PDB file of N, CA and C in Angstrom:
ATOM      1  N   MET A   1      47.074  96.764 147.657  1.00  0.00           N
ATOM      2  CA  MET A   1      48.003  96.353 146.607  1.00  0.00           C
ATOM      3  C   MET A   1      47.472  96.752 145.229  1.00  0.00           C
ATOM      4  N   THR A   2      46.171  96.538 145.020  1.00  0.00           N
ATOM      5  CA  THR A   2      45.600  96.864 143.713  1.00  0.00           C
ATOM      6  C   THR A   2      45.727  98.343 143.421  1.00  0.00           C
ATOM      7  N   LEU A   3      45.447  99.158 144.412  1.00  0.00           N
ATOM      8  CA  LEU A   3      45.551 100.600 144.220  1.00  0.00           C
ATOM      9  C   LEU A   3      46.988 101.005 143.891  1.00  0.00           C
ATOM     10  N   LEU A   4      47.949 100.443 144.571  1.00  0.00           N
ATOM     11  CA  LEU A   4      49.350 100.745 144.285  1.00  0.00           C
ATOM     12  C   LEU A   4      49.738 100.294 142.879  1.00  0.00           C
ATOM     13  N   ALA A   5      49.247  99.168 142.456  1.00  0.00           N
ATOM     14  CA  ALA A   5      49.539  98.669 141.107  1.00  0.00           C
ATOM     15  C   ALA A   5      48.932  99.607 140.062  1.00  0.00           C
ATOM     16  N   TRP A   6      47.725 100.082 140.311  1.00  0.00           N
ATOM     17  CA  TRP A   6      47.071 101.016 139.378  1.00  0.00           C
ATOM     18  C   TRP A   6      47.852 102.323 139.292  1.00  0.00           C
ATOM     19  N   LEU A   7      48.269 102.823 140.442  1.00  0.00           N
ATOM     20  CA  LEU A   7      49.020 104.069 140.448  1.00  0.00           C
ATOM     21  C   LEU A   7      50.340 103.922 139.689  1.00  0.00           C
ATOM     22  N   LYS A   8      51.010 102.796 139.877  1.00  0.00           N
ATOM     23  CA  LYS A   8      52.257 102.572 139.146  1.00  0.00           C
ATOM     24  C   LYS A   8      52.013 102.479 137.646  1.00  0.00           C
ATOM     25  N   ARG A   9      50.933 101.834 137.294  1.00  0.00           N
ATOM     26  CA  ARG A   9      50.653 101.611 135.868  1.00  0.00           C
ATOM     27  C   ARG A   9      50.056 102.845 135.199  1.00  0.00           C
ATOM     28  N   TYR A  10      49.041 103.429 135.820  1.00  0.00           N
ATOM     29  CA  TYR A  10      48.287 104.506 135.178  1.00  0.00           C
ATOM     30  C   TYR A  10      48.641 105.902 135.697  1.00  0.00           C
ATOM     31  N   GLY A  11      49.410 106.006 136.737  1.00  0.00           N
ATOM     32  CA  GLY A  11      49.745 107.302 137.295  1.00  0.00           C
ATOM     33  C   GLY A  11      51.105 107.807 136.845  1.00  0.00           C
ATOM     34  N   THR A  12      51.660 107.162 135.849  1.00  0.00           N
ATOM     35  CA  THR A  12      52.997 107.557 135.403  1.00  0.00           C
ATOM     36  C   THR A  12      52.916 108.542 134.243  1.00  0.00           C
ATOM     37  N   ALA A  13      54.021 109.205 133.997  1.00  0.00           N
ATOM     38  CA  ALA A  13      54.105 110.148 132.870  1.00  0.00           C
ATOM     39  C   ALA A  13      54.007 109.408 131.539  1.00  0.00           C
ATOM     40  N   VAL A  14      54.507 108.173 131.502  1.00  0.00           N
ATOM     41  CA  VAL A  14      54.440 107.372 130.270  1.00  0.00           C
ATOM     42  C   VAL A  14      52.980 107.112 129.901  1.00  0.00           C
ATOM     43  N   TYR A  15      52.178 106.747 130.879  1.00  0.00           N
ATOM     44  CA  TYR A  15      50.766 106.499 130.609  1.00  0.00           C
ATOM     45  C   TYR A  15      50.069 107.782 130.168  1.00  0.00           C
ATOM     46  N   ALA A  16      50.367 108.892 130.823  1.00  0.00           N
ATOM     47  CA  ALA A  16      49.748 110.169 130.454  1.00  0.00           C
ATOM     48  C   ALA A  16      50.118 110.535 129.021  1.00  0.00           C
ATOM     49  N   GLN A  17      51.375 110.285 128.629  1.00  0.00           N
ATOM     50  CA  GLN A  17      51.806 110.591 127.271  1.00  0.00           C
ATOM     51  C   GLN A  17      51.065 109.710 126.258  1.00  0.00           C
ATOM     52  N   MET A  18      50.847 108.453 126.616  1.00  0.00           N
ATOM     53  CA  MET A  18      50.123 107.541 125.718  1.00  0.00           C
ATOM     54  C   MET A  18      48.669 107.979 125.561  1.00  0.00           C
ATOM     55  N   ARG A  19      48.078 108.509 126.612  1.00  0.00           N
ATOM     56  CA  ARG A  19      46.678 108.922 126.578  1.00  0.00           C
ATOM     57  C   ARG A  19      46.485 110.230 125.826  1.00  0.00           C
ATOM     58  N   ARG A  20      47.533 111.040 125.751  1.00  0.00           N
ATOM     59  CA  ARG A  20      47.439 112.336 125.083  1.00  0.00           C
ATOM     60  C   ARG A  20      47.273 112.113 123.588  1.00  0.00           C
ATOM     61  N   LYS A  21      46.289 112.756 123.033  1.00  0.00           N
ATOM     62  CA  LYS A  21      46.013 112.607 121.616  1.00  0.00           C
ATOM     63  C   LYS A  21      47.044 113.381 120.802  1.00  0.00           C
ATOM     64  N   GLN A  22      47.623 112.730 119.801  1.00  0.00           N
ATOM     65  CA  GLN A  22      48.631 113.345 118.958  1.00  0.00           C
ATOM     66  C   GLN A  22      48.000 113.722 117.618  1.00  0.00           C
ATOM     67  N   PHE A  23      48.282 114.917 117.133  1.00  0.00           N
ATOM     68  CA  PHE A  23      47.756 115.394 115.860  1.00  0.00           C
ATOM     69  C   PHE A  23      48.916 115.614 114.894  1.00  0.00           C
ATOM     70  N   THR A  24      48.688 115.284 113.635  1.00  0.00           N
ATOM     71  CA  THR A  24      49.690 115.566 112.612  1.00  0.00           C
ATOM     72  C   THR A  24      49.616 117.043 112.247  1.00  0.00           C
ATOM     73  N   VAL A  25      50.624 117.515 111.526  1.00  0.00           N
ATOM     74  CA  VAL A  25      50.637 118.907 111.085  1.00  0.00           C
ATOM     75  C   VAL A  25      49.434 119.185 110.194  1.00  0.00           C
ATOM     76  N   ALA A  26      49.109 118.239 109.313  1.00  0.00           N
ATOM     77  CA  ALA A  26      47.966 118.420 108.414  1.00  0.00           C
ATOM     78  C   ALA A  26      46.660 118.524 109.199  1.00  0.00           C
ATOM     79  N   GLN A  27      46.510 117.716 110.244  1.00  0.00           N
ATOM     80  CA  GLN A  27      45.300 117.779 111.066  1.00  0.00           C
ATOM     81  C   GLN A  27      45.206 119.119 111.791  1.00  0.00           C
ATOM     82  N   LYS A  28      46.332 119.594 112.305  1.00  0.00           N
ATOM     83  CA  LYS A  28      46.345 120.884 112.995  1.00  0.00           C
ATOM     84  C   LYS A  28      45.970 122.009 112.033  1.00  0.00           C
ATOM     85  N   GLN A  29      46.489 121.948 110.813  1.00  0.00           N
ATOM     86  CA  GLN A  29      46.165 122.966 109.817  1.00  0.00           C
ATOM     87  C   GLN A  29      44.692 122.913 109.442  1.00  0.00           C
ATOM     88  N   HIS A  30      44.144 121.710 109.337  1.00  0.00           N
ATOM     89  CA  HIS A  30      42.724 121.563 109.004  1.00  0.00           C
ATOM     90  C   HIS A  30      41.854 122.187 110.103  1.00  0.00           C
ATOM     91  N   ILE A  31      42.194 121.911 111.338  1.00  0.00           N
ATOM     92  CA  ILE A  31      41.434 122.471 112.462  1.00  0.00           C
ATOM     93  C   ILE A  31      41.573 123.993 112.476  1.00  0.00           C
ATOM     94  N   ALA A  32      42.779 124.494 112.218  1.00  0.00           N
ATOM     95  CA  ALA A  32      42.998 125.946 112.174  1.00  0.00           C
ATOM     96  C   ALA A  32      42.164 126.581 111.071  1.00  0.00           C
ATOM     97  N   ARG A  33      42.088 125.935 109.893  1.00  0.00           N
ATOM     98  CA  ARG A  33      41.262 126.468 108.794  1.00  0.00           C
ATOM     99  C   ARG A  33      39.792 126.484 109.187  1.00  0.00           C
ATOM    100  N   GLU A  34      39.332 125.437 109.865  1.00  0.00           N
ATOM    101  CA  GLU A  34      37.937 125.411 110.324  1.00  0.00           C
ATOM    102  C   GLU A  34      37.655 126.575 111.271  1.00  0.00           C
ATOM    103  N   LEU A  35      38.585 126.854 112.156  1.00  0.00           N
ATOM    104  CA  LEU A  35      38.399 127.957 113.103  1.00  0.00           C
ATOM    105  C   LEU A  35      38.430 129.303 112.389  1.00  0.00           C
ATOM    106  N   LEU A  36      39.376 129.478 111.481  1.00  0.00           N
ATOM    107  CA  LEU A  36      39.486 130.749 110.763  1.00  0.00           C
ATOM    108  C   LEU A  36      38.309 131.001 109.836  1.00  0.00           C
ATOM    109  N   ASP A  37      37.789 129.946 109.224  1.00  0.00           N
ATOM    110  CA  ASP A  37      36.658 130.087 108.308  1.00  0.00           C
ATOM    111  C   ASP A  37      35.334 130.272 109.039  1.00  0.00           C
ATOM    112  N   GLY A  38      35.344 130.061 110.359  1.00  0.00           N
ATOM    113  CA  GLY A  38      34.117 130.215 111.129  1.00  0.00           C
ATOM    114  C   GLY A  38      33.233 128.981 111.095  1.00  0.00           C
ATOM    115  N   ARG A  39      33.743 127.879 110.566  1.00  0.00           N
ATOM    116  CA  ARG A  39      32.956 126.647 110.541  1.00  0.00           C
ATOM    117  C   ARG A  39      32.910 125.986 111.905  1.00  0.00           C
ATOM    118  N   LEU A  40      33.805 126.420 112.785  1.00  0.00           N
ATOM    119  CA  LEU A  40      33.917 125.806 114.098  1.00  0.00           C
ATOM    120  C   LEU A  40      34.299 126.894 115.096  1.00  0.00           C
ATOM    121  N   SER A  41      33.604 126.910 116.225  1.00  0.00           N
ATOM    122  CA  SER A  41      33.983 127.857 117.275  1.00  0.00           C
ATOM    123  C   SER A  41      35.079 127.222 118.124  1.00  0.00           C
ATOM    124  N   GLU A  42      35.677 128.027 118.957  1.00  0.00           N
ATOM    125  CA  GLU A  42      36.751 127.521 119.819  1.00  0.00           C
ATOM    126  C   GLU A  42      36.238 126.424 120.748  1.00  0.00           C
ATOM    127  N   ASP A  43      35.074 126.655 121.341  1.00  0.00           N
ATOM    128  CA  ASP A  43      34.501 125.664 122.255  1.00  0.00           C
ATOM    129  C   ASP A  43      34.112 124.385 121.522  1.00  0.00           C
ATOM    130  N   GLU A  44      33.584 124.525 120.314  1.00  0.00           N
ATOM    131  CA  GLU A  44      33.232 123.349 119.518  1.00  0.00           C
ATOM    132  C   GLU A  44      34.477 122.537 119.165  1.00  0.00           C
ATOM    133  N   ALA A  45      35.573 123.230 118.872  1.00  0.00           N
ATOM    134  CA  ALA A  45      36.827 122.542 118.555  1.00  0.00           C
ATOM    135  C   ALA A  45      37.334 121.759 119.759  1.00  0.00           C
ATOM    136  N   LEU A  46      37.205 122.358 120.935  1.00  0.00           N
ATOM    137  CA  LEU A  46      37.640 121.659 122.145  1.00  0.00           C
ATOM    138  C   LEU A  46      36.869 120.360 122.334  1.00  0.00           C
ATOM    139  N   LEU A  47      35.578 120.416 122.114  1.00  0.00           N
ATOM    140  CA  LEU A  47      34.755 119.219 122.271  1.00  0.00           C
ATOM    141  C   LEU A  47      34.981 118.205 121.149  1.00  0.00           C
ATOM    142  N   LYS A  48      34.968 118.685 119.925  1.00  0.00           N
ATOM    143  CA  LYS A  48      35.065 117.794 118.766  1.00  0.00           C
ATOM    144  C   LYS A  48      36.387 117.031 118.738  1.00  0.00           C
ATOM    145  N   TYR A  49      37.469 117.719 119.058  1.00  0.00           N
ATOM    146  CA  TYR A  49      38.793 117.101 118.960  1.00  0.00           C
ATOM    147  C   TYR A  49      39.374 116.711 120.317  1.00  0.00           C
ATOM    148  N   GLU A  50      38.544 116.768 121.358  1.00  0.00           N
ATOM    149  CA  GLU A  50      38.922 116.358 122.711  1.00  0.00           C
ATOM    150  C   GLU A  50      40.193 117.066 123.186  1.00  0.00           C
ATOM    151  N   LEU A  51      40.197 118.369 123.038  1.00  0.00           N
ATOM    152  CA  LEU A  51      41.320 119.186 123.486  1.00  0.00           C
ATOM    153  C   LEU A  51      41.031 119.695 124.888  1.00  0.00           C
ATOM    154  N   ARG A  52      42.056 119.818 125.685  1.00  0.00           N
ATOM    155  CA  ARG A  52      41.858 120.228 127.074  1.00  0.00           C
ATOM    156  C   ARG A  52      42.004 121.726 127.289  1.00  0.00           C
ATOM    157  N   LEU A  53      42.913 122.345 126.534  1.00  0.00           N
ATOM    158  CA  LEU A  53      43.219 123.747 126.769  1.00  0.00           C
ATOM    159  C   LEU A  53      42.839 124.606 125.571  1.00  0.00           C
ATOM    160  N   LYS A  54      42.314 125.795 125.852  1.00  0.00           N
ATOM    161  CA  LYS A  54      41.955 126.715 124.771  1.00  0.00           C
ATOM    162  C   LYS A  54      43.182 127.243 124.043  1.00  0.00           C
ATOM    163  N   LYS A  55      44.316 127.232 124.706  1.00  0.00           N
ATOM    164  CA  LYS A  55      45.517 127.762 124.066  1.00  0.00           C
ATOM    165  C   LYS A  55      46.005 126.845 122.947  1.00  0.00           C
ATOM    166  N   THR A  56      45.640 125.577 122.973  1.00  0.00           N
ATOM    167  CA  THR A  56      46.112 124.644 121.954  1.00  0.00           C
ATOM    168  C   THR A  56      45.622 125.032 120.564  1.00  0.00           C
ATOM    169  N   PRO A  57      44.299 125.168 120.335  1.00  0.00           N
ATOM    170  CA  PRO A  57      43.882 125.577 118.988  1.00  0.00           C
ATOM    171  C   PRO A  57      44.328 126.994 118.638  1.00  0.00           C
ATOM    172  N   ARG A  58      44.474 127.847 119.636  1.00  0.00           N
ATOM    173  CA  ARG A  58      44.971 129.208 119.372  1.00  0.00           C
ATOM    174  C   ARG A  58      46.401 129.160 118.845  1.00  0.00           C
ATOM    175  N   GLN A  59      47.217 128.293 119.420  1.00  0.00           N
ATOM    176  CA  GLN A  59      48.589 128.137 118.946  1.00  0.00           C
ATOM    177  C   GLN A  59      48.611 127.578 117.528  1.00  0.00           C
ATOM    178  N   TRP A  60      47.709 126.638 117.232  1.00  0.00           N
ATOM    179  CA  TRP A  60      47.650 126.053 115.889  1.00  0.00           C
ATOM    180  C   TRP A  60      47.257 127.113 114.865  1.00  0.00           C
ATOM    181  N   VAL A  61      46.307 127.966 115.234  1.00  0.00           N
ATOM    182  CA  VAL A  61      45.880 129.036 114.325  1.00  0.00           C
ATOM    183  C   VAL A  61      47.027 130.009 114.089  1.00  0.00           C
ATOM    184  N   ALA A  62      47.740 130.359 115.148  1.00  0.00           N
ATOM    185  CA  ALA A  62      48.870 131.275 115.006  1.00  0.00           C
ATOM    186  C   ALA A  62      49.955 130.667 114.115  1.00  0.00           C
ATOM    187  N   ALA A  63      50.234 129.388 114.290  1.00  0.00           N
ATOM    188  CA  ALA A  63      51.238 128.716 113.461  1.00  0.00           C
ATOM    189  C   ALA A  63      50.774 128.642 112.011  1.00  0.00           C
ATOM    190  N   TYR A  64      49.482 128.393 111.824  1.00  0.00           N
ATOM    191  CA  TYR A  64      48.939 128.317 110.466  1.00  0.00           C
ATOM    192  C   TYR A  64      49.038 129.672 109.770  1.00  0.00           C
ATOM    193  N   ARG A  65      48.689 130.729 110.486  1.00  0.00           N
ATOM    194  CA  ARG A  65      48.778 132.073 109.911  1.00  0.00           C
ATOM    195  C   ARG A  65      50.227 132.420 109.564  1.00  0.00           C
ATOM    196  N   ALA A  66      51.153 132.046 110.431  1.00  0.00           N
ATOM    197  CA  ALA A  66      52.564 132.329 110.176  1.00  0.00           C
ATOM    198  C   ALA A  66      53.053 131.571 108.945  1.00  0.00           C
ATOM    199  N   SER A  67      52.653 130.319 108.812  1.00  0.00           N
ATOM    200  CA  SER A  67      53.090 129.541 107.648  1.00  0.00           C
ATOM    201  C   SER A  67      52.479 130.089 106.365  1.00  0.00           C
ATOM    202  N   GLU A  68      51.245 130.535 106.435  1.00  0.00           N
ATOM    203  CA  GLU A  68      50.604 131.109 105.254  1.00  0.00           C
ATOM    204  C   GLU A  68      51.243 132.448 104.884  1.00  0.00           C
ATOM    205  N   ALA A  69      51.625 133.225 105.889  1.00  0.00           N
ATOM    206  CA  ALA A  69      52.284 134.497 105.611  1.00  0.00           C
ATOM    207  C   ALA A  69      53.626 134.265 104.920  1.00  0.00           C
ATOM    208  N   LEU A  70      54.330 133.228 105.348  1.00  0.00           N
ATOM    209  CA  LEU A  70      55.589 132.893 104.696  1.00  0.00           C
ATOM    210  C   LEU A  70      55.369 132.473 103.253  1.00  0.00           C
ATOM    211  N   LEU A  71      54.319 131.700 103.030  1.00  0.00           N
ATOM    212  CA  LEU A  71      54.021 131.265 101.661  1.00  0.00           C
ATOM    213  C   LEU A  71      53.659 132.445 100.769  1.00  0.00           C
ATOM    214  N   LEU A  72      52.884 133.376 101.314  1.00  0.00           N
ATOM    215  CA  LEU A  72      52.477 134.530 100.509  1.00  0.00           C
ATOM    216  C   LEU A  72      53.661 135.428 100.182  1.00  0.00           C
ATOM    217  N   THR A  73      54.583 135.570 101.123  1.00  0.00           N
ATOM    218  CA  THR A  73      55.732 136.422 100.859  1.00  0.00           C
ATOM    219  C   THR A  73      56.755 135.716  99.984  1.00  0.00           C
ATOM    220  N   ALA A  74      56.751 134.388  99.994  1.00  0.00           N
ATOM    221  CA  ALA A  74      57.723 133.637  99.207  1.00  0.00           C
ATOM    222  C   ALA A  74      57.277 133.456  97.757  1.00  0.00           C
ATOM    223  N   GLU A  75      56.007 133.721  97.467  1.00  0.00           N
ATOM    224  CA  GLU A  75      55.510 133.566  96.102  1.00  0.00           C
ATOM    225  C   GLU A  75      56.146 134.612  95.198  1.00  0.00           C
ATOM    226  N   PRO A  76      56.594 134.200  94.028  1.00  0.00           N
ATOM    227  CA  PRO A  76      57.114 135.205  93.092  1.00  0.00           C
ATOM    228  C   PRO A  76      55.980 136.086  92.597  1.00  0.00           C
ATOM    229  N   ASP A  77      56.327 137.305  92.259  1.00  0.00           N
ATOM    230  CA  ASP A  77      55.313 138.221  91.759  1.00  0.00           C
ATOM    231  C   ASP A  77      54.804 137.721  90.412  1.00  0.00           C
ATOM    232  N   PRO A  78      53.479 137.638  90.274  1.00  0.00           N
ATOM    233  CA  PRO A  78      52.923 137.182  89.000  1.00  0.00           C
ATOM    234  C   PRO A  78      53.131 138.249  87.929  1.00  0.00           C
ATOM    235  N   PRO A  79      53.064 137.847  86.681  1.00  0.00           N
ATOM    236  CA  PRO A  79      53.177 138.851  85.622  1.00  0.00           C
ATOM    237  C   PRO A  79      52.075 139.896  85.772  1.00  0.00           C
ATOM    238  N   VAL A  80      52.404 141.110  85.431  1.00  0.00           N
ATOM    239  CA  VAL A  80      51.452 142.202  85.572  1.00  0.00           C
ATOM    240  C   VAL A  80      50.402 142.082  84.483  1.00  0.00           C
ATOM    241  N   ASP A  81      49.171 141.936  84.918  1.00  0.00           N
ATOM    242  CA  ASP A  81      48.049 141.955  83.991  1.00  0.00           C
ATOM    243  C   ASP A  81      46.824 142.458  84.747  1.00  0.00           C
ATOM    244  N   ALA A  82      45.727 142.544  84.096  1.00  0.00           N
ATOM    245  CA  ALA A  82      44.521 143.132  84.694  1.00  0.00           C
ATOM    246  C   ALA A  82      43.998 142.297  85.855  1.00  0.00           C
ATOM    247  N   ASN A  83      44.223 140.981  85.832  1.00  0.00           N
ATOM    248  CA  ASN A  83      43.668 140.110  86.862  1.00  0.00           C
ATOM    249  C   ASN A  83      44.598 139.921  88.057  1.00  0.00           C
ATOM    250  N   ALA A  84      45.823 140.376  87.982  1.00  0.00           N
ATOM    251  CA  ALA A  84      46.786 140.158  89.063  1.00  0.00           C
ATOM    252  C   ALA A  84      46.310 140.818  90.361  1.00  0.00           C
ATOM    253  N   GLY A  85      45.835 142.048  90.271  1.00  0.00           N
ATOM    254  CA  GLY A  85      45.340 142.731  91.464  1.00  0.00           C
ATOM    255  C   GLY A  85      44.125 142.050  92.052  1.00  0.00           C
ATOM    256  N   LEU A  86      43.252 141.556  91.188  1.00  0.00           N
ATOM    257  CA  LEU A  86      42.063 140.847  91.670  1.00  0.00           C
ATOM    258  C   LEU A  86      42.444 139.540  92.358  1.00  0.00           C
ATOM    259  N   ALA A  87      43.407 138.818  91.805  1.00  0.00           N
ATOM    260  CA  ALA A  87      43.840 137.560  92.412  1.00  0.00           C
ATOM    261  C   ALA A  87      44.445 137.805  93.784  1.00  0.00           C
ATOM    262  N   ARG A  88      45.238 138.865  93.919  1.00  0.00           N
ATOM    263  CA  ARG A  88      45.842 139.205  95.211  1.00  0.00           C
ATOM    264  C   ARG A  88      44.757 139.570  96.216  1.00  0.00           C
ATOM    265  N   GLN A  89      43.783 140.340  95.798  1.00  0.00           N
ATOM    266  CA  GLN A  89      42.698 140.730  96.694  1.00  0.00           C
ATOM    267  C   GLN A  89      41.886 139.511  97.121  1.00  0.00           C
ATOM    268  N   LEU A  90      41.690 138.562  96.214  1.00  0.00           N
ATOM    269  CA  LEU A  90      40.954 137.350  96.533  1.00  0.00           C
ATOM    270  C   LEU A  90      41.704 136.536  97.589  1.00  0.00           C
ATOM    271  N   ARG A  91      43.011 136.388  97.441  1.00  0.00           N
ATOM    272  CA  ARG A  91      43.802 135.657  98.435  1.00  0.00           C
ATOM    273  C   ARG A  91      43.705 136.331  99.798  1.00  0.00           C
ATOM    274  N   GLN A  92      43.793 137.647  99.822  1.00  0.00           N
ATOM    275  CA  GLN A  92      43.714 138.369 101.094  1.00  0.00           C
ATOM    276  C   GLN A  92      42.331 138.232 101.715  1.00  0.00           C
ATOM    277  N   ALA A  93      41.302 138.244 100.894  1.00  0.00           N
ATOM    278  CA  ALA A  93      39.946 138.129 101.406  1.00  0.00           C
ATOM    279  C   ALA A  93      39.688 136.747 101.998  1.00  0.00           C
ATOM    280  N   GLN A  94      40.349 135.747 101.439  1.00  0.00           N
ATOM    281  CA  GLN A  94      40.166 134.393 101.958  1.00  0.00           C
ATOM    282  C   GLN A  94      40.742 134.257 103.347  1.00  0.00           C
ATOM    283  N   TRP A  95      41.752 135.046 103.682  1.00  0.00           N
ATOM    284  CA  TRP A  95      42.348 134.986 105.014  1.00  0.00           C
ATOM    285  C   TRP A  95      41.745 136.026 105.902  1.00  0.00           C
TER     286      TRP A  95
END
């Protein structure tokens, strides 16, 4: 009886969903920045944030890169001056 009760309680999809760690968009972006900056390896991220699949942080990095690309393309062109080219190169170097 005890085993059946445990299976009903803990073997359900509802319990699995409750146990799954949920991350906010900001947390996912922070982890993606850590991976892109080299402050954290993929394996370290799996351990640190208790992730099960390697594809999870890879998807977060891809989403982060896509959102940043949209931001860069959506930015209006700055006024032309001597530092504009340097600022653009600095942004590209950061990514």
